Protein backbone atom coordinates (compact mmCIF):
# COMPACT_ATOMS: atom_id res chain seq x y z
CA MET A 1 0.43 -0.04 0.22
CA PRO A 2 1.10 3.50 -0.63
CA TYR A 3 3.15 5.10 2.18
CA ASP A 4 0.45 6.55 5.01
CA THR A 5 2.97 9.32 6.06
CA VAL A 6 2.04 12.28 8.23
CA LEU A 7 3.43 14.28 5.17
CA GLY A 8 1.49 14.83 2.23
CA ALA A 9 2.94 14.37 -1.46
CA ARG A 10 6.46 14.62 -2.32
CA ASP A 11 6.35 18.11 -4.56
CA VAL A 12 3.63 20.04 -2.76
CA GLY A 13 4.29 22.79 -4.83
CA HIS A 14 7.65 24.91 -4.53
CA PHE A 15 9.50 24.69 -1.37
CA TRP A 16 7.67 27.11 0.35
CA ARG A 17 4.33 26.28 -0.88
CA LEU A 18 4.77 23.34 1.26
CA ILE A 19 3.97 26.26 4.11
CA SER A 20 0.67 26.21 3.95
CA ILE A 21 -1.56 28.38 6.75
CA ASN A 22 -4.10 26.32 5.11
CA CYS A 23 -3.05 23.03 7.49
CA GLU A 24 -4.03 23.19 11.05
CA SER A 25 -3.53 24.87 14.37
CA PRO A 26 0.11 26.92 13.45
CA LEU A 27 2.51 27.42 15.71
CA HIS A 28 1.18 30.81 17.95
CA GLN A 29 3.69 33.47 17.13
CA SER A 30 5.46 33.29 21.16
CA TYR A 31 8.11 35.06 20.04
CA PRO A 32 9.82 35.51 23.72
CA ASP A 33 9.13 31.13 23.73
CA THR A 34 13.21 30.66 23.76
CA HIS A 35 15.29 27.59 25.13
CA VAL A 36 19.21 27.04 26.06
CA MET A 37 20.24 23.52 26.20
CA PRO A 38 22.31 23.27 29.19
CA GLY A 39 26.21 23.45 29.02
CA SER A 40 25.37 25.61 25.30
CA SER A 41 28.55 27.97 24.40
CA THR A 42 26.30 31.09 23.70
CA THR A 43 23.99 32.49 26.06
CA GLU A 44 21.63 34.03 23.23
CA PRO A 45 18.81 31.46 23.24
CA VAL A 46 16.97 29.92 20.35
CA GLN A 47 13.69 31.31 19.80
CA LEU A 48 10.54 31.50 17.28
CA CYS A 49 12.25 34.15 14.20
CA PRO A 50 10.45 37.78 15.20
CA PRO A 51 8.90 39.36 11.72
CA GLU A 52 11.80 41.76 11.39
CA ALA A 53 14.47 38.93 11.81
CA ARG A 54 12.64 37.23 8.55
CA ARG A 55 14.59 38.36 6.01
CA GLU A 56 17.57 37.55 7.56
CA ALA A 57 16.44 34.29 8.40
CA LEU A 58 15.28 33.40 4.26
CA ALA A 59 18.74 33.88 3.41
CA LEU A 60 20.06 31.78 5.58
CA LEU A 61 17.63 29.44 4.83
CA TYR A 62 18.23 30.55 0.86
CA ARG A 63 21.86 30.36 1.06
CA ARG A 64 22.68 26.76 -0.69
CA VAL A 65 20.91 29.23 -4.08
CA ASP A 66 23.17 30.86 -6.74
CA ASP A 67 23.36 34.66 -5.56
CA SER A 68 21.44 36.02 -8.23
CA LEU A 69 18.22 34.33 -7.05
CA ARG A 70 18.66 34.80 -3.80
CA ASN A 71 16.79 38.08 -3.67
CA ASP A 72 14.43 37.19 -5.60
CA LEU A 73 13.42 34.91 -3.58
CA VAL A 74 13.67 36.17 0.26
CA ALA A 75 11.00 38.63 -1.32
CA GLY A 76 9.12 36.22 -3.11
CA ALA A 77 8.53 34.44 0.36
CA GLN A 78 8.00 37.59 1.76
CA ALA A 79 5.30 39.30 0.11
CA ASP A 80 3.76 35.16 0.21
CA ALA A 81 4.01 35.71 3.93
CA ASP A 82 1.94 39.03 3.98
CA ALA A 83 -0.64 37.83 1.98
CA GLY A 84 -1.24 34.59 3.61
CA VAL A 85 0.14 31.95 1.16
CA ILE A 86 3.07 30.90 3.64
CA ASP A 87 3.53 30.92 7.28
CA PHE A 88 6.42 31.58 8.67
CA SER A 89 4.79 30.80 12.79
CA GLY A 90 7.25 27.65 12.72
CA LEU A 91 10.59 29.45 12.18
CA TRP A 92 13.77 29.57 14.97
CA ILE A 93 16.73 30.45 14.48
CA ALA A 94 19.65 30.48 16.72
CA ARG A 95 21.62 34.00 17.71
CA ARG A 96 25.44 34.36 18.14
CA ARG A 97 26.62 38.06 19.17
CA GLY A 98 23.32 39.67 18.03
CA LYS A 99 23.45 37.73 14.44
CA ILE A 100 21.44 35.20 12.83
CA VAL A 101 23.72 31.90 12.89
CA GLY A 102 21.33 29.11 12.17
CA ALA A 103 17.60 28.42 10.82
CA LEU A 104 15.24 26.17 11.51
CA LEU A 105 11.58 25.28 9.98
CA THR A 106 8.62 23.61 11.00
CA GLN A 107 5.24 23.29 10.36
CA ILE A 108 2.31 21.61 12.41
CA LEU A 109 0.19 19.91 10.21
CA ALA A 110 -3.99 18.12 10.24
CA GLY A 111 -3.78 15.46 12.52
CA LYS A 112 -1.46 16.25 15.50
CA ALA A 113 1.75 16.02 12.72
CA ALA A 114 4.53 18.20 11.81
CA ALA A 115 7.12 18.70 8.79
CA ILE A 116 10.30 19.68 9.86
CA TRP A 117 13.24 20.98 7.42
CA ALA A 118 16.87 20.07 8.10
CA PRO A 119 18.59 23.10 9.82
CA GLU A 120 20.27 25.57 8.04
CA VAL A 121 23.52 26.73 10.10
CA ILE A 122 26.46 28.71 9.54
CA GLU A 123 29.64 26.83 9.05
CA GLY A 124 32.47 27.22 11.50
CA TRP A 125 33.10 26.22 15.29
CA GLY A 126 29.82 24.93 17.29
CA ARG A 127 28.14 24.64 14.08
CA ALA A 128 26.98 20.98 15.17
CA ALA A 129 26.33 22.05 18.59
CA THR A 130 23.83 24.74 17.01
CA ALA A 131 21.35 22.71 14.56
CA ARG A 132 21.24 20.45 17.73
CA ARG A 133 20.24 23.55 19.89
CA LEU A 134 17.53 24.33 17.44
CA LEU A 135 15.91 20.62 16.51
CA VAL A 136 15.49 20.47 19.70
CA THR A 137 13.87 23.58 21.26
CA ALA A 138 11.74 22.85 18.30
CA LEU A 139 10.86 19.46 18.85
CA ASP A 140 10.03 20.55 23.15
CA HIS A 141 7.67 23.02 21.62
CA LEU A 142 5.61 20.53 19.18
CA ARG A 143 5.12 18.41 21.94
CA GLY A 144 4.29 20.84 24.18
CA SER A 145 1.52 21.77 21.64
CA GLY A 146 0.04 18.49 21.85
CA ILE A 147 1.96 16.70 18.32
CA LYS A 148 2.56 13.53 18.06
CA ILE A 149 4.63 13.34 15.36
CA ALA A 150 7.03 14.97 13.59
CA GLN A 151 8.70 13.86 10.64
CA ALA A 152 11.31 15.20 7.61
CA LEU A 153 11.56 13.75 4.37
CA VAL A 154 15.06 14.46 3.09
CA ASP A 155 16.59 13.92 -0.31
CA GLU A 156 19.20 11.70 -0.29
CA SER A 157 21.69 14.54 -2.47
CA ALA A 158 21.32 16.45 0.29
CA PRO A 159 24.32 17.66 2.56
CA THR A 160 25.03 14.33 4.61
CA ARG A 161 25.49 16.93 7.92
CA SER A 162 21.60 17.22 7.03
CA PHE A 163 21.33 13.56 7.67
CA SER A 164 23.52 13.45 10.76
CA ASP A 165 22.37 16.89 12.31
CA LEU A 166 18.66 15.56 12.26
CA ALA A 167 19.31 12.10 14.21
CA ARG A 168 21.51 14.53 16.32
CA GLY A 169 18.52 16.80 16.81
CA GLY A 170 16.33 13.85 18.18
CA LEU A 171 15.02 12.95 14.32
CA PRO A 172 16.38 9.70 13.60
CA ARG A 173 16.54 8.11 10.22
CA ILE A 174 13.40 5.08 9.60
CA THR A 175 13.59 4.85 6.17
CA ALA A 176 13.61 5.65 2.21
CA LEU A 177 10.58 6.28 0.56
CA ASP A 178 10.05 5.31 -3.44
CA TYR A 179 8.01 7.61 -5.32
CA LEU A 180 6.77 6.07 -8.08
CA ASP A 181 4.97 7.15 -10.93
CA ARG A 182 2.64 6.05 -14.89
CA ASP A 183 1.46 7.52 -17.05
CA THR A 184 -2.63 7.11 -17.02
CA SER A 185 -2.89 5.93 -20.40
CA ARG A 186 -1.80 2.39 -20.86
CA PRO A 187 -4.67 0.16 -18.50
CA ILE A 188 -2.95 -2.07 -16.22
CA ASP A 189 -3.45 -5.69 -16.77
CA LEU A 190 -5.41 -8.21 -14.96
CA ARG A 191 -4.68 -11.42 -13.97
CA PRO A 192 -8.35 -13.92 -13.89
CA PRO A 193 -9.49 -14.91 -11.95
CA ARG A 194 -10.40 -12.01 -9.90
CA PRO A 195 -13.06 -11.45 -7.62
CA ASP A 196 -15.00 -7.89 -8.87
CA LEU A 197 -14.55 -5.19 -6.32
CA ILE A 198 -17.91 -2.76 -5.83
CA TRP A 199 -16.66 0.80 -5.02
CA ARG A 200 -19.20 3.31 -2.88
CA ALA A 201 -17.48 6.70 -2.31
CA PHE A 202 -17.28 8.64 1.02
CA SER A 203 -20.05 10.48 2.42
CA SER A 204 -22.40 10.84 5.58
CA GLU A 205 -23.93 7.68 4.47
CA THR A 206 -21.20 5.92 4.17
CA GLU A 207 -18.69 7.15 6.64
CA ALA A 208 -18.80 4.77 9.74
CA GLU A 209 -18.45 1.51 6.79
CA PHE A 210 -14.84 3.53 5.52
CA ARG A 211 -13.79 4.25 9.06
CA ASP A 212 -13.93 0.84 10.06
CA VAL A 213 -12.70 -0.35 6.63
CA LEU A 214 -10.12 1.55 7.12
CA GLN A 215 -8.88 0.65 10.51
CA SER A 216 -8.52 -3.06 9.59
CA THR A 217 -6.16 -2.18 6.73
CA TYR A 218 -3.39 -1.27 9.26
CA VAL A 219 -3.69 -4.87 10.53
CA GLY A 220 -0.36 -6.71 9.96
CA SER A 221 0.32 -3.18 7.60
CA LEU A 222 4.04 -3.28 6.81
CA ASP A 223 3.95 0.69 5.70
CA MET A 224 5.75 2.80 8.57
CA PRO A 225 5.45 0.04 11.38
CA GLU A 226 6.90 2.90 13.88
CA LEU A 227 3.44 4.97 13.59
CA GLU A 228 0.63 2.19 14.44
CA GLY A 229 -1.45 3.13 17.27
CA VAL A 230 0.57 6.46 17.74
CA ARG A 231 -2.30 8.45 16.62
CA SER A 232 -5.91 8.41 16.45
CA LEU A 233 -8.26 7.32 13.65
CA ASP A 234 -8.80 10.81 13.74
CA ASP A 235 -6.51 12.14 13.27
CA VAL A 236 -5.50 10.15 9.85
CA ILE A 237 -8.37 10.80 8.16
CA ALA A 238 -7.63 14.55 9.49
CA GLY A 239 -4.07 13.92 8.17
CA HIS A 240 -5.45 13.08 4.68
CA ARG A 241 -7.94 15.41 4.09
CA SER A 242 -5.35 17.79 4.45
CA ALA A 243 -2.99 17.11 1.81
CA GLY A 244 -4.01 17.93 -1.53
CA ARG A 245 -7.48 18.62 -3.03
CA PHE A 246 -9.95 16.74 -1.26
CA ASP A 247 -12.58 15.91 -3.02
CA PRO A 248 -14.95 13.54 -1.00
CA SER A 249 -16.17 11.17 -4.79
CA ARG A 250 -12.23 10.13 -5.15
CA TRP A 251 -12.25 8.91 -1.38
CA LEU A 252 -13.67 5.34 -2.38
CA VAL A 253 -14.57 1.63 -0.65
CA GLY A 254 -14.13 -1.39 -2.06
CA ARG A 255 -15.64 -4.74 -1.13
CA ILE A 256 -16.58 -7.86 -2.54
CA SER A 257 -20.08 -8.64 -2.74
CA SER A 258 -20.34 -12.41 -1.22
CA GLU A 259 -17.12 -11.37 1.39
CA PRO A 260 -17.85 -7.37 2.81
CA ASP A 261 -14.50 -8.04 5.32
CA ALA A 262 -12.73 -8.40 2.02
CA SER A 263 -12.63 -4.51 1.48
CA VAL A 264 -9.99 -2.02 0.25
CA VAL A 265 -9.31 2.18 1.08
CA LEU A 266 -8.27 3.92 -1.75
CA LEU A 267 -7.89 7.97 -1.54
CA LEU A 268 -6.81 9.84 -4.68
CA SER A 269 -6.19 13.21 -4.51
CA ALA A 270 -5.29 16.22 -7.30
CA VAL A 271 -1.44 17.53 -6.54
CA VAL A 272 -1.96 20.61 -6.49
CA GLU A 273 -0.49 23.47 -9.47
CA ARG A 274 0.66 19.75 -10.59
CA ASP A 275 -0.92 17.44 -13.81
CA VAL A 276 -0.91 14.54 -11.48
CA TRP A 277 -3.35 12.47 -9.08
CA GLU A 278 -1.76 11.28 -6.53
CA VAL A 279 -3.08 7.62 -4.98
CA ALA A 280 -2.75 8.63 -1.51
CA TYR A 281 -3.78 5.70 0.18
CA LEU A 282 -4.07 2.02 -0.95
CA GLY A 283 -5.00 -0.12 2.08
CA LEU A 284 -6.21 -3.85 1.53
CA ALA A 285 -7.85 -5.74 4.85
CA PRO A 286 -6.45 -9.09 5.52
CA SER A 287 -8.69 -11.41 4.08
CA ALA A 288 -8.69 -9.22 0.16
CA ARG A 289 -4.93 -9.47 0.08
CA GLY A 290 -3.06 -12.10 -2.29
CA ARG A 291 -6.03 -11.81 -4.40
CA GLY A 292 -5.22 -9.28 -7.05
CA LEU A 293 -7.64 -6.98 -5.75
CA GLY A 294 -4.98 -4.49 -5.48
CA ARG A 295 -3.50 -4.39 -9.25
CA ALA A 296 -7.67 -4.39 -9.82
CA SER A 297 -7.64 -0.79 -7.35
CA LEU A 298 -4.58 0.80 -8.53
CA GLU A 299 -6.44 -0.17 -12.26
CA PHE A 300 -9.75 1.15 -11.35
CA ALA A 301 -7.47 4.59 -9.84
CA ARG A 302 -5.54 4.62 -13.31
CA HIS A 303 -9.44 4.77 -14.80
CA LEU A 304 -10.48 7.52 -12.57
CA ALA A 305 -7.27 9.94 -13.22
CA SER A 306 -7.05 9.09 -17.00
CA PRO A 307 -10.20 11.69 -17.92
CA HIS A 308 -7.78 14.47 -16.07
CA VAL A 309 -4.24 13.85 -15.80
CA HIS A 310 -1.73 12.32 -17.29
CA ARG A 311 0.29 10.69 -14.77
CA LEU A 312 -0.22 9.07 -11.34
CA GLU A 313 1.87 8.85 -8.51
CA LEU A 314 2.03 7.46 -5.18
CA ALA A 315 4.81 6.88 -2.29
CA VAL A 316 5.42 3.06 -0.89
CA ASP A 317 8.21 1.84 2.42
CA ARG A 318 10.77 0.95 0.87
CA ARG A 319 10.86 -1.96 3.71
CA ASN A 320 7.20 -2.72 1.99
CA HIS A 321 8.82 -5.94 -0.67
CA PRO A 322 5.10 -6.74 -1.37
CA ALA A 323 3.88 -3.02 -2.10
CA VAL A 324 6.87 -2.35 -4.07
CA ARG A 325 6.61 -5.18 -6.42
CA LEU A 326 2.85 -4.65 -7.02
CA TYR A 327 3.82 -0.84 -8.13
CA ARG A 328 6.31 -2.42 -10.53
CA ALA A 329 4.46 -4.49 -11.83
CA SER A 330 1.40 -2.47 -12.75
CA GLY A 331 3.95 -0.30 -14.84
CA PHE A 332 5.46 2.06 -11.78
CA ARG A 333 9.07 3.03 -12.19
CA THR A 334 10.82 5.14 -9.46
CA PHE A 335 11.70 8.86 -10.17
CA ASP A 336 12.80 10.13 -6.68
CA ARG A 337 13.47 9.19 -3.08
CA ARG A 338 13.47 10.63 -0.28
CA SER A 339 14.99 9.30 3.51
CA VAL A 340 12.74 9.32 6.62
CA HIS A 341 13.68 10.61 9.75
CA LEU A 342 11.08 10.28 12.17
CA SER A 343 10.59 10.95 16.12
CA ILE A 344 7.50 10.07 17.63
CA LEU A 345 6.66 12.93 21.08
CA GLN A 346 3.75 11.93 23.59
CA ASP A 347 4.11 8.65 24.64
CA SER A 348 1.85 6.15 25.27
CA ALA A 349 -0.03 7.19 28.12
CA SER A 350 0.01 10.72 26.59
CA ARG A 351 -2.28 9.50 23.98
């Protein structure tokens, strides 16, 4: 099944477009909120970035961009923030002698989850410690805000220190995601014999059925077992609903009429600003597995998408070998890979 991550699609638009205020519960703009690590070599604490310091912080975050582009990107990001397109309330900074030497961006998402980006810190003495302070402070703040999961997806071409900074700061690497796609013009070959699925769209009348089937698809799932039981079903549904463009007609439950327990959940969403639909989730109840219903569900997804877009995309935990084999046999090909760094912020007693 596609990876049930707390984040949405790989390409939710441009880097800054991923920071949308349409997510639930943005960080409160409590700029005095600061934190000093014990034994820190600097007397200036990590803090949420005040508006007047954003240009300097953004220039640091964009420092790997060519000089000829950086100023325009910073100005564009600030303009988007003023227009309400981007939320910088989760932008953290670290100073030394009054100068911003480190910046970290976080974003609270629907479903008690948060996205984290690897910190940018100026090279020099204390760089690794500063990166760790930024992450530890941000994670503590998210934990105090009731967030249960924090996650970073890092391109595997990123600098090595991005991975090590995240791990030292409390977000160890858990696995990698493969991103796959296929065109929607070619049907997926189906192998008979195979029972037919009867599909019903999400609505107020089918919501209870949808919830029951969705819960059953998590039994024995090989996608991110670290997330099992961390969030409530309401949180999981809220996370899915906020990703991409929600259309209830594209949230579907499939059942075999003579075997109601042999059921499938298929969630499709349009990717913003791209000619793509995403298979946001494909889950099979245990009694539906190994019967060709996964391939049939993908063909149904392709059939629904083909009048609207030219590509269908999905992501999968690389450890889920049966799902990887299914997608490759169905004509999907890998076009990207991201490392997953994860922190569970709420212990079992607080869930």
